[in-house]
Amino acid sequence: MTKSAAAAHLDAFDLRIISVLQADASLTHGEIGRRVRLSASSVRRRIEVLKKRGAIRGIVAIIDPHLAMGAVTVIVHVAFERETHGGYAAFKQRVGSETFVVQCHIVSGQIDAVLVVIAPTLEEYWAWAERTLAADPMVRRFDSNFVLSTLKQLGAGS
């Protein structure tokens, strides 16, 4: 089933359950049920179905990197030298194995990829960027944007 076909099968209760889980996945099935007006057993069954369909890919804890490790968060815009299938595949594989990279999006427009990178220190970020991005012949340019404040983060009590 394609993603759009799976989404078409989500009813109003499924969408409300997903919304509640995105705000606080630690709630009990009973509390979720109270908020969406379903029994705890119905919520449990629906969550299992949503997981099997792939609508819920996982339930995670969102850690504040600054409190946990005094980290620096960087939004990195990456422009490729040339756009080839092999180049995208190699970039995807390299970035996928990098522990500092917490998100990677291939995008349209003037840049080709947007990375969210969390590093313990500015110095460690820069060493990583030189080793990983500056040394990559596929990367024409990268711009580092340092996060000063996070106003909203999905699932972090928003």
Protein backbone atom coordinates (compact mmCIF):
# COMPACT_ATOMS: atom_id res chain seq x y z
CA MET A 1 0.00 0.00 0.00
CA THR A 2 1.42 3.40 -0.95
CA LYS A 3 1.75 6.19 1.60
CA SER A 4 -1.10 8.12 0.02
CA ALA A 5 -3.31 5.00 0.00
CA ALA A 6 -2.51 4.37 3.67
CA ALA A 7 -3.32 7.99 4.52
CA ALA A 8 -6.66 7.70 2.71
CA HIS A 9 -7.65 4.93 5.16
CA LEU A 10 -7.09 7.08 8.26
CA ASP A 11 -10.33 8.18 9.85
CA ALA A 12 -10.94 11.09 12.22
CA PHE A 13 -10.17 8.95 15.29
CA ASP A 14 -6.85 7.79 13.78
CA LEU A 15 -5.86 11.38 13.01
CA ARG A 16 -6.75 12.52 16.54
CA ILE A 17 -4.80 9.62 18.07
CA ILE A 18 -1.77 10.55 15.94
CA SER A 19 -2.09 14.18 17.01
CA VAL A 20 -2.19 13.23 20.69
CA LEU A 21 0.80 10.88 20.31
CA GLN A 22 2.82 13.58 18.54
CA ALA A 23 2.29 15.90 21.50
CA ASP A 24 2.97 13.28 24.19
CA ALA A 25 3.61 9.63 23.34
CA SER A 26 4.02 8.73 27.01
CA LEU A 27 0.28 8.91 27.68
CA THR A 28 -1.56 5.71 28.57
CA HIS A 29 -4.07 4.25 26.16
CA GLY A 30 -6.76 5.24 28.65
CA GLU A 31 -5.67 8.89 28.69
CA ILE A 32 -5.44 8.98 24.89
CA GLY A 33 -8.89 7.42 24.75
CA ARG A 34 -10.27 10.06 27.08
CA ARG A 35 -8.89 12.79 24.83
CA VAL A 36 -10.21 11.28 21.59
CA ARG A 37 -13.40 9.77 23.04
CA LEU A 38 -12.57 6.08 22.56
CA SER A 39 -12.01 3.18 24.97
CA ALA A 40 -8.45 2.28 25.96
CA SER A 41 -8.75 -1.06 24.12
CA SER A 42 -9.91 0.69 20.92
CA VAL A 43 -6.96 3.07 21.16
CA ARG A 44 -4.53 0.17 21.67
CA ARG A 45 -5.95 -1.71 18.64
CA ARG A 46 -5.88 1.40 16.44
CA ILE A 47 -2.27 2.20 17.40
CA GLU A 48 -1.22 -1.36 16.50
CA VAL A 49 -2.96 -1.05 13.11
CA LEU A 50 -1.34 2.37 12.53
CA LYS A 51 2.07 0.81 13.27
CA LYS A 52 1.45 -2.14 10.94
CA ARG A 53 0.37 0.23 8.13
CA GLY A 54 3.45 2.38 8.64
CA ALA A 55 1.49 5.49 9.62
CA ILE A 56 3.35 5.34 12.96
CA ARG A 57 6.98 4.52 12.23
CA GLY A 58 8.16 4.68 15.82
CA ILE A 59 7.72 6.30 19.19
CA VAL A 60 10.76 8.17 20.44
CA ALA A 61 11.93 10.37 23.28
CA ILE A 62 12.88 13.88 22.19
CA ILE A 63 16.00 14.86 24.07
CA ASP A 64 17.01 18.48 24.54
CA PRO A 65 20.58 18.27 23.20
CA HIS A 66 21.62 21.45 24.98
CA LEU A 67 20.62 20.08 28.38
CA ALA A 68 21.78 16.54 27.67
CA MET A 69 25.19 17.35 26.23
CA GLY A 70 25.64 21.10 25.85
CA ALA A 71 25.30 20.64 22.12
CA VAL A 72 25.13 22.95 19.14
CA THR A 73 22.34 22.45 16.60
CA VAL A 74 23.07 23.42 13.01
CA ILE A 75 20.78 23.61 9.98
CA VAL A 76 23.01 22.91 6.98
CA HIS A 77 22.04 23.74 3.39
CA VAL A 78 23.94 21.62 0.88
CA ALA A 79 24.26 22.28 -2.85
CA PHE A 80 25.63 19.49 -5.05
CA GLU A 81 28.21 19.93 -7.79
CA ARG A 82 26.16 17.74 -10.11
CA GLU A 83 22.87 15.96 -9.72
CA THR A 84 23.12 12.28 -10.56
CA HIS A 85 21.33 9.22 -9.27
CA GLY A 86 24.62 7.69 -8.13
CA GLY A 87 25.64 10.91 -6.43
CA TYR A 88 22.38 11.14 -4.50
CA ALA A 89 22.67 7.48 -3.47
CA ALA A 90 26.25 7.94 -2.25
CA PHE A 91 25.32 11.10 -0.34
CA LYS A 92 22.32 9.35 1.22
CA GLN A 93 24.51 6.44 2.35
CA ARG A 94 27.23 8.72 3.79
CA VAL A 95 24.79 10.96 5.64
CA GLY A 96 22.78 7.99 6.91
CA SER A 97 25.80 6.65 8.75
CA GLU A 98 26.75 9.97 10.39
CA THR A 99 25.81 10.13 14.08
CA PHE A 100 25.78 13.96 14.16
CA VAL A 101 23.10 14.08 11.42
CA VAL A 102 19.65 13.76 13.00
CA GLN A 103 17.63 14.73 9.90
CA CYS A 104 18.32 14.85 6.17
CA HIS A 105 15.88 16.17 3.59
CA ILE A 106 16.38 16.22 -0.18
CA VAL A 107 14.66 19.42 -1.30
CA SER A 108 13.77 21.39 -4.41
CA GLY A 109 15.11 24.83 -5.24
CA GLN A 110 18.57 26.39 -5.10
CA ILE A 111 19.91 23.83 -2.63
CA ASP A 112 19.73 20.06 -2.85
CA ALA A 113 19.68 18.90 0.76
CA VAL A 114 18.93 20.25 4.22
CA LEU A 115 20.60 18.59 7.19
CA VAL A 116 19.91 19.02 10.87
CA VAL A 117 23.16 18.34 12.68
CA ILE A 118 23.72 18.14 16.43
CA ALA A 119 27.32 18.20 17.60
CA PRO A 120 28.71 18.36 21.14
CA THR A 121 30.67 21.56 20.43
CA LEU A 122 31.19 24.13 17.68
CA GLU A 123 34.72 22.80 17.17
CA GLU A 124 33.46 19.24 16.73
CA TYR A 125 30.80 20.43 14.27
CA TRP A 126 33.41 22.23 12.20
CA ALA A 127 35.75 19.21 12.21
CA TRP A 128 32.83 17.04 11.09
CA ALA A 129 31.82 19.55 8.36
CA GLU A 130 35.36 19.72 6.98
CA ARG A 131 35.75 15.92 7.05
CA THR A 132 32.30 15.11 5.70
CA LEU A 133 31.08 17.99 3.55
CA ALA A 134 34.09 20.08 2.50
CA ALA A 135 36.02 16.95 1.47
CA ASP A 136 33.11 15.52 -0.55
CA PRO A 137 33.57 16.13 -4.30
CA MET A 138 29.80 15.93 -4.75
CA VAL A 139 29.26 18.96 -2.48
CA ARG A 140 29.68 22.28 -4.29
CA ARG A 141 28.76 24.41 -1.29
CA PHE A 142 27.31 24.14 2.19
CA ASP A 143 25.97 26.85 4.47
CA SER A 144 25.80 26.40 8.24
CA ASN A 145 22.98 28.08 10.15
CA PHE A 146 23.36 27.83 13.92
CA VAL A 147 20.14 27.46 15.92
CA LEU A 148 19.88 30.16 18.56
CA SER A 149 16.47 29.18 19.90
CA THR A 150 13.82 26.56 19.10
CA LEU A 151 10.33 28.03 19.19
CA LYS A 152 8.45 24.89 18.19
CA GLN A 153 9.39 21.27 17.74
CA LEU A 154 6.75 18.73 16.83
CA GLY A 155 6.26 16.25 19.62
CA ALA A 156 8.09 18.30 22.20
CA GLY A 157 4.99 19.36 24.09
CA SER A 158 3.80 21.50 21.18
